[in-house]
Amino acid sequence: MPCFCYENFALLFCFRTFVSMKTKIYKLILFLLLNFGALALGSIFTGQGVSSDWYANLSKAPWTPPGWVFGFAWTTIMICFSIYLTYLWSIVKNKKKLIFLFVIQWVLNVAWNPTFFYFHNVMVGLILITGLTILIGFFLFLYWSRLKVKSLLILPYFIWLTIAISLNAYIFFNN
């Protein structure tokens, strides 16, 4: 009899673990779709972007990385951010606040590309990227106490945005 109860408990534990893992995978896929969707949408409204005459003729910061770095960086950032959000979703009590912050982040991220590359509005681009950086910093510090070391997953986003501010600001002040 005790063996029977133990086996049922182990089976139940195993099932709950499987369901929990399956739910996390679904959430991760959702966040990956949303985050990469933001990048795709932003790039659709970019126009010619980096290959445009406007961008080519700008005075750019000497530390501007080569073009391939941007694709690699954003891919890495969105994967890490999606994992971060998956962990965060499972521990945060106020889901509405998290959704609100995520939506603001999503809109700022999508809005920067067309603002900068299509409309050539460097100043508004700088304001957007600064707001996005502040928001990601807010995520980092607000949820650090709950996520601890998992918060490092959002650090590449914060660092890259800090670099992006410097690149955008250089263009703003030197053109």
C-alpha atoms as a PDB file:
ATOM      1  CA  MET A   1       0.000   0.000   0.000  1.00  0.00           C
ATOM      2  CA  PRO A   2       2.665   2.636   0.833  1.00  0.00           C
ATOM      3  CA  CYS A   3       4.356   1.807  -2.455  1.00  0.00           C
ATOM      4  CA  PHE A   4       1.091   2.427  -4.310  1.00  0.00           C
ATOM      5  CA  CYS A   5       0.708   5.885  -2.714  1.00  0.00           C
ATOM      6  CA  TYR A   6       4.316   6.769  -3.451  1.00  0.00           C
ATOM      7  CA  GLU A   7       3.921   5.767  -7.100  1.00  0.00           C
ATOM      8  CA  ASN A   8       0.763   7.870  -7.435  1.00  0.00           C
ATOM      9  CA  PHE A   9       2.517  10.840  -5.813  1.00  0.00           C
ATOM     10  CA  ALA A  10       5.547  10.452  -8.092  1.00  0.00           C
ATOM     11  CA  LEU A  11       3.302  10.193 -11.145  1.00  0.00           C
ATOM     12  CA  LEU A  12       1.332  13.279 -10.079  1.00  0.00           C
ATOM     13  CA  PHE A  13       4.576  15.201  -9.445  1.00  0.00           C
ATOM     14  CA  CYS A  14       5.913  14.120 -12.822  1.00  0.00           C
ATOM     15  CA  PHE A  15       2.672  15.182 -14.559  1.00  0.00           C
ATOM     16  CA  ARG A  16       2.630  18.590 -12.846  1.00  0.00           C
ATOM     17  CA  THR A  17       6.273  19.155 -13.767  1.00  0.00           C
ATOM     18  CA  PHE A  18       5.497  18.245 -17.387  1.00  0.00           C
ATOM     19  CA  VAL A  19       2.482  20.577 -17.512  1.00  0.00           C
ATOM     20  CA  SER A  20       4.512  23.385 -15.907  1.00  0.00           C
ATOM     21  CA  MET A  21       7.351  22.932 -18.383  1.00  0.00           C
ATOM     22  CA  LYS A  22       4.925  22.779 -21.315  1.00  0.00           C
ATOM     23  CA  THR A  23       3.269  26.017 -20.149  1.00  0.00           C
ATOM     24  CA  LYS A  24       6.657  27.748 -19.885  1.00  0.00           C
ATOM     25  CA  ILE A  25       7.584  26.606 -23.377  1.00  0.00           C
ATOM     26  CA  TYR A  26       4.322  28.033 -24.745  1.00  0.00           C
ATOM     27  CA  LYS A  27       4.979  31.331 -22.971  1.00  0.00           C
ATOM     28  CA  LEU A  28       8.543  31.405 -24.276  1.00  0.00           C
ATOM     29  CA  ILE A  29       7.301  30.838 -27.831  1.00  0.00           C
ATOM     30  CA  LEU A  30       4.719  33.606 -27.373  1.00  0.00           C
ATOM     31  CA  PHE A  31       7.348  36.073 -26.111  1.00  0.00           C
ATOM     32  CA  LEU A  32       9.725  35.088 -28.930  1.00  0.00           C
ATOM     33  CA  LEU A  33       6.963  35.732 -31.484  1.00  0.00           C
ATOM     34  CA  LEU A  34       6.031  39.072 -29.912  1.00  0.00           C
ATOM     35  CA  ASN A  35       9.636  40.257 -29.599  1.00  0.00           C
ATOM     36  CA  PHE A  36      10.793  39.160 -33.031  1.00  0.00           C
ATOM     37  CA  GLY A  37       7.495  40.466 -34.411  1.00  0.00           C
ATOM     38  CA  ALA A  38       8.403  43.885 -33.008  1.00  0.00           C
ATOM     39  CA  LEU A  39      11.761  43.758 -34.771  1.00  0.00           C
ATOM     40  CA  ALA A  40      10.120  42.665 -38.028  1.00  0.00           C
ATOM     41  CA  LEU A  41       7.449  45.351 -37.836  1.00  0.00           C
ATOM     42  CA  GLY A  42      10.020  48.020 -37.036  1.00  0.00           C
ATOM     43  CA  SER A  43      12.147  46.959 -39.999  1.00  0.00           C
ATOM     44  CA  ILE A  44       9.150  46.981 -42.366  1.00  0.00           C
ATOM     45  CA  PHE A  45       8.616  50.660 -41.597  1.00  0.00           C
ATOM     46  CA  THR A  46      12.309  51.491 -41.792  1.00  0.00           C
ATOM     47  CA  GLY A  47      12.373  52.204 -45.501  1.00  0.00           C
ATOM     48  CA  GLN A  48      15.850  51.786 -46.986  1.00  0.00           C
ATOM     49  CA  GLY A  49      17.348  52.157 -43.509  1.00  0.00           C
ATOM     50  CA  VAL A  50      21.078  51.631 -43.295  1.00  0.00           C
ATOM     51  CA  SER A  51      21.452  51.403 -47.074  1.00  0.00           C
ATOM     52  CA  SER A  52      19.811  54.810 -47.648  1.00  0.00           C
ATOM     53  CA  ASP A  53      21.773  57.797 -48.929  1.00  0.00           C
ATOM     54  CA  TRP A  54      20.539  59.765 -45.921  1.00  0.00           C
ATOM     55  CA  TYR A  55      22.134  57.354 -43.431  1.00  0.00           C
ATOM     56  CA  ALA A  56      25.283  56.840 -45.523  1.00  0.00           C
ATOM     57  CA  ASN A  57      25.924  60.600 -45.559  1.00  0.00           C
ATOM     58  CA  LEU A  58      25.509  61.092 -41.807  1.00  0.00           C
ATOM     59  CA  SER A  59      28.494  61.720 -39.602  1.00  0.00           C
ATOM     60  CA  LYS A  60      28.482  58.585 -37.438  1.00  0.00           C
ATOM     61  CA  ALA A  61      30.269  57.802 -34.185  1.00  0.00           C
ATOM     62  CA  PRO A  62      33.704  56.235 -34.622  1.00  0.00           C
ATOM     63  CA  TRP A  63      32.533  53.352 -32.404  1.00  0.00           C
ATOM     64  CA  THR A  64      29.601  52.505 -34.729  1.00  0.00           C
ATOM     65  CA  PRO A  65      29.759  48.716 -35.142  1.00  0.00           C
ATOM     66  CA  PRO A  66      29.591  47.061 -38.567  1.00  0.00           C
ATOM     67  CA  GLY A  67      26.103  46.264 -39.853  1.00  0.00           C
ATOM     68  CA  TRP A  68      26.190  42.518 -39.102  1.00  0.00           C
ATOM     69  CA  VAL A  69      26.661  43.258 -35.375  1.00  0.00           C
ATOM     70  CA  PHE A  70      23.199  44.822 -35.193  1.00  0.00           C
ATOM     71  CA  GLY A  71      21.463  41.675 -36.452  1.00  0.00           C
ATOM     72  CA  PHE A  72      23.465  39.432 -34.138  1.00  0.00           C
ATOM     73  CA  ALA A  73      22.938  41.733 -31.162  1.00  0.00           C
ATOM     74  CA  TRP A  74      19.182  42.067 -31.643  1.00  0.00           C
ATOM     75  CA  THR A  75      18.746  38.327 -32.149  1.00  0.00           C
ATOM     76  CA  THR A  76      20.646  37.610 -28.925  1.00  0.00           C
ATOM     77  CA  ILE A  77      18.807  40.355 -27.055  1.00  0.00           C
ATOM     78  CA  MET A  78      15.350  39.165 -28.078  1.00  0.00           C
ATOM     79  CA  ILE A  79      16.120  35.550 -27.176  1.00  0.00           C
ATOM     80  CA  CYS A  80      17.439  36.585 -23.753  1.00  0.00           C
ATOM     81  CA  PHE A  81      14.564  39.026 -23.191  1.00  0.00           C
ATOM     82  CA  SER A  82      12.003  36.354 -24.102  1.00  0.00           C
ATOM     83  CA  ILE A  83      13.546  33.913 -21.612  1.00  0.00           C
ATOM     84  CA  TYR A  84      13.618  36.691 -19.011  1.00  0.00           C
ATOM     85  CA  LEU A  85       9.927  37.471 -19.582  1.00  0.00           C
ATOM     86  CA  THR A  86       9.035  33.777 -19.346  1.00  0.00           C
ATOM     87  CA  TYR A  87      10.668  33.538 -15.925  1.00  0.00           C
ATOM     88  CA  LEU A  88       9.174  36.863 -14.876  1.00  0.00           C
ATOM     89  CA  TRP A  89       5.645  35.898 -15.934  1.00  0.00           C
ATOM     90  CA  SER A  90       5.661  32.856 -13.657  1.00  0.00           C
ATOM     91  CA  ILE A  91       6.592  34.817 -10.518  1.00  0.00           C
ATOM     92  CA  VAL A  92       4.943  38.205 -10.958  1.00  0.00           C
ATOM     93  CA  LYS A  93       1.632  38.696  -9.189  1.00  0.00           C
ATOM     94  CA  ASN A  94       0.535  41.879 -10.971  1.00  0.00           C
ATOM     95  CA  LYS A  95       0.237  40.607 -14.556  1.00  0.00           C
ATOM     96  CA  LYS A  96      -1.552  43.782 -15.710  1.00  0.00           C
ATOM     97  CA  LYS A  97       1.432  45.907 -14.700  1.00  0.00           C
ATOM     98  CA  LEU A  98       3.816  43.536 -16.464  1.00  0.00           C
ATOM     99  CA  ILE A  99       1.691  43.556 -19.625  1.00  0.00           C
ATOM    100  CA  PHE A 100       1.484  47.368 -19.493  1.00  0.00           C
ATOM    101  CA  LEU A 101       5.270  47.701 -19.168  1.00  0.00           C
ATOM    102  CA  PHE A 102       5.833  45.134 -21.915  1.00  0.00           C
ATOM    103  CA  VAL A 103       3.449  46.936 -24.298  1.00  0.00           C
ATOM    104  CA  ILE A 104       5.205  50.270 -23.710  1.00  0.00           C
ATOM    105  CA  GLN A 105       8.547  48.556 -24.364  1.00  0.00           C
ATOM    106  CA  TRP A 106       7.152  46.947 -27.508  1.00  0.00           C
ATOM    107  CA  VAL A 107       5.783  50.233 -28.877  1.00  0.00           C
ATOM    108  CA  LEU A 108       8.998  52.154 -28.158  1.00  0.00           C
ATOM    109  CA  ASN A 109      11.052  49.406 -29.784  1.00  0.00           C
ATOM    110  CA  VAL A 110       8.866  49.308 -32.905  1.00  0.00           C
ATOM    111  CA  ALA A 111       8.626  53.108 -33.161  1.00  0.00           C
ATOM    112  CA  TRP A 112      12.354  53.867 -33.164  1.00  0.00           C
ATOM    113  CA  ASN A 113      13.213  52.413 -36.591  1.00  0.00           C
ATOM    114  CA  PRO A 114      10.690  54.351 -38.692  1.00  0.00           C
ATOM    115  CA  THR A 115      11.198  57.489 -36.602  1.00  0.00           C
ATOM    116  CA  PHE A 116      14.938  57.432 -37.182  1.00  0.00           C
ATOM    117  CA  PHE A 117      15.343  55.815 -40.614  1.00  0.00           C
ATOM    118  CA  TYR A 118      12.104  56.658 -42.447  1.00  0.00           C
ATOM    119  CA  PHE A 119      11.176  60.056 -41.015  1.00  0.00           C
ATOM    120  CA  HIS A 120      14.849  61.012 -40.339  1.00  0.00           C
ATOM    121  CA  ASN A 121      13.811  62.491 -37.012  1.00  0.00           C
ATOM    122  CA  VAL A 122      17.001  61.942 -35.044  1.00  0.00           C
ATOM    123  CA  MET A 123      15.891  63.961 -32.023  1.00  0.00           C
ATOM    124  CA  VAL A 124      12.622  62.051 -31.535  1.00  0.00           C
ATOM    125  CA  GLY A 125      14.567  58.835 -32.160  1.00  0.00           C
ATOM    126  CA  LEU A 126      16.912  59.827 -29.352  1.00  0.00           C
ATOM    127  CA  ILE A 127      13.961  60.498 -27.050  1.00  0.00           C
ATOM    128  CA  LEU A 128      12.399  57.109 -27.914  1.00  0.00           C
ATOM    129  CA  ILE A 129      15.615  55.136 -27.416  1.00  0.00           C
ATOM    130  CA  THR A 130      16.280  56.955 -24.133  1.00  0.00           C
ATOM    131  CA  GLY A 131      12.760  56.157 -22.917  1.00  0.00           C
ATOM    132  CA  LEU A 132      13.199  52.527 -23.941  1.00  0.00           C
ATOM    133  CA  THR A 133      16.527  52.330 -22.083  1.00  0.00           C
ATOM    134  CA  ILE A 134      14.985  53.809 -18.935  1.00  0.00           C
ATOM    135  CA  LEU A 135      12.136  51.305 -19.156  1.00  0.00           C
ATOM    136  CA  ILE A 136      14.488  48.329 -19.586  1.00  0.00           C
ATOM    137  CA  GLY A 137      16.540  49.638 -16.648  1.00  0.00           C
ATOM    138  CA  PHE A 138      13.291  49.824 -14.685  1.00  0.00           C
ATOM    139  CA  PHE A 139      12.575  46.158 -15.554  1.00  0.00           C
ATOM    140  CA  LEU A 140      16.094  45.235 -14.462  1.00  0.00           C
ATOM    141  CA  PHE A 141      15.919  46.928 -11.076  1.00  0.00           C
ATOM    142  CA  LEU A 142      12.217  46.472 -10.300  1.00  0.00           C
ATOM    143  CA  TYR A 143      12.287  42.697 -10.669  1.00  0.00           C
ATOM    144  CA  TRP A 144      15.876  42.027  -9.543  1.00  0.00           C
ATOM    145  CA  SER A 145      14.783  41.024  -6.038  1.00  0.00           C
ATOM    146  CA  ARG A 146      12.474  38.346  -7.461  1.00  0.00           C
ATOM    147  CA  LEU A 147      14.568  37.022 -10.335  1.00  0.00           C
ATOM    148  CA  LYS A 148      18.055  37.481  -8.865  1.00  0.00           C
ATOM    149  CA  VAL A 149      20.691  36.159 -11.283  1.00  0.00           C
ATOM    150  CA  LYS A 150      18.071  35.520 -13.991  1.00  0.00           C
ATOM    151  CA  SER A 151      17.857  39.307 -14.270  1.00  0.00           C
ATOM    152  CA  LEU A 152      21.178  39.154 -16.076  1.00  0.00           C
ATOM    153  CA  LEU A 153      19.180  37.971 -19.093  1.00  0.00           C
ATOM    154  CA  ILE A 154      17.946  41.546 -19.587  1.00  0.00           C
ATOM    155  CA  LEU A 155      21.405  43.072 -19.198  1.00  0.00           C
ATOM    156  CA  PRO A 156      22.391  42.662 -22.900  1.00  0.00           C
ATOM    157  CA  TYR A 157      19.276  44.652 -23.838  1.00  0.00           C
ATOM    158  CA  PHE A 158      20.171  47.434 -21.402  1.00  0.00           C
ATOM    159  CA  ILE A 159      23.823  47.562 -22.500  1.00  0.00           C
ATOM    160  CA  TRP A 160      22.943  47.547 -26.199  1.00  0.00           C
ATOM    161  CA  LEU A 161      20.408  50.340 -25.710  1.00  0.00           C
ATOM    162  CA  THR A 162      23.028  52.392 -23.872  1.00  0.00           C
ATOM    163  CA  ILE A 163      25.315  51.985 -26.880  1.00  0.00           C
ATOM    164  CA  ALA A 164      22.390  52.842 -29.181  1.00  0.00           C
ATOM    165  CA  ILE A 165      21.788  56.064 -27.232  1.00  0.00           C
ATOM    166  CA  SER A 166      25.416  57.046 -27.720  1.00  0.00           C
ATOM    167  CA  LEU A 167      25.224  56.331 -31.480  1.00  0.00           C
ATOM    168  CA  ASN A 168      21.924  58.213 -31.846  1.00  0.00           C
ATOM    169  CA  ALA A 169      23.187  61.126 -29.722  1.00  0.00           C
ATOM    170  CA  TYR A 170      26.407  61.364 -31.750  1.00  0.00           C
ATOM    171  CA  ILE A 171      24.369  61.628 -34.954  1.00  0.00           C
ATOM    172  CA  PHE A 172      22.061  64.196 -33.343  1.00  0.00           C
ATOM    173  CA  PHE A 173      24.892  66.443 -32.150  1.00  0.00           C
ATOM    174  CA  ASN A 174      27.141  66.072 -35.208  1.00  0.00           C
ATOM    175  CA  ASN A 175      24.735  66.439 -38.116  1.00  0.00           C
END
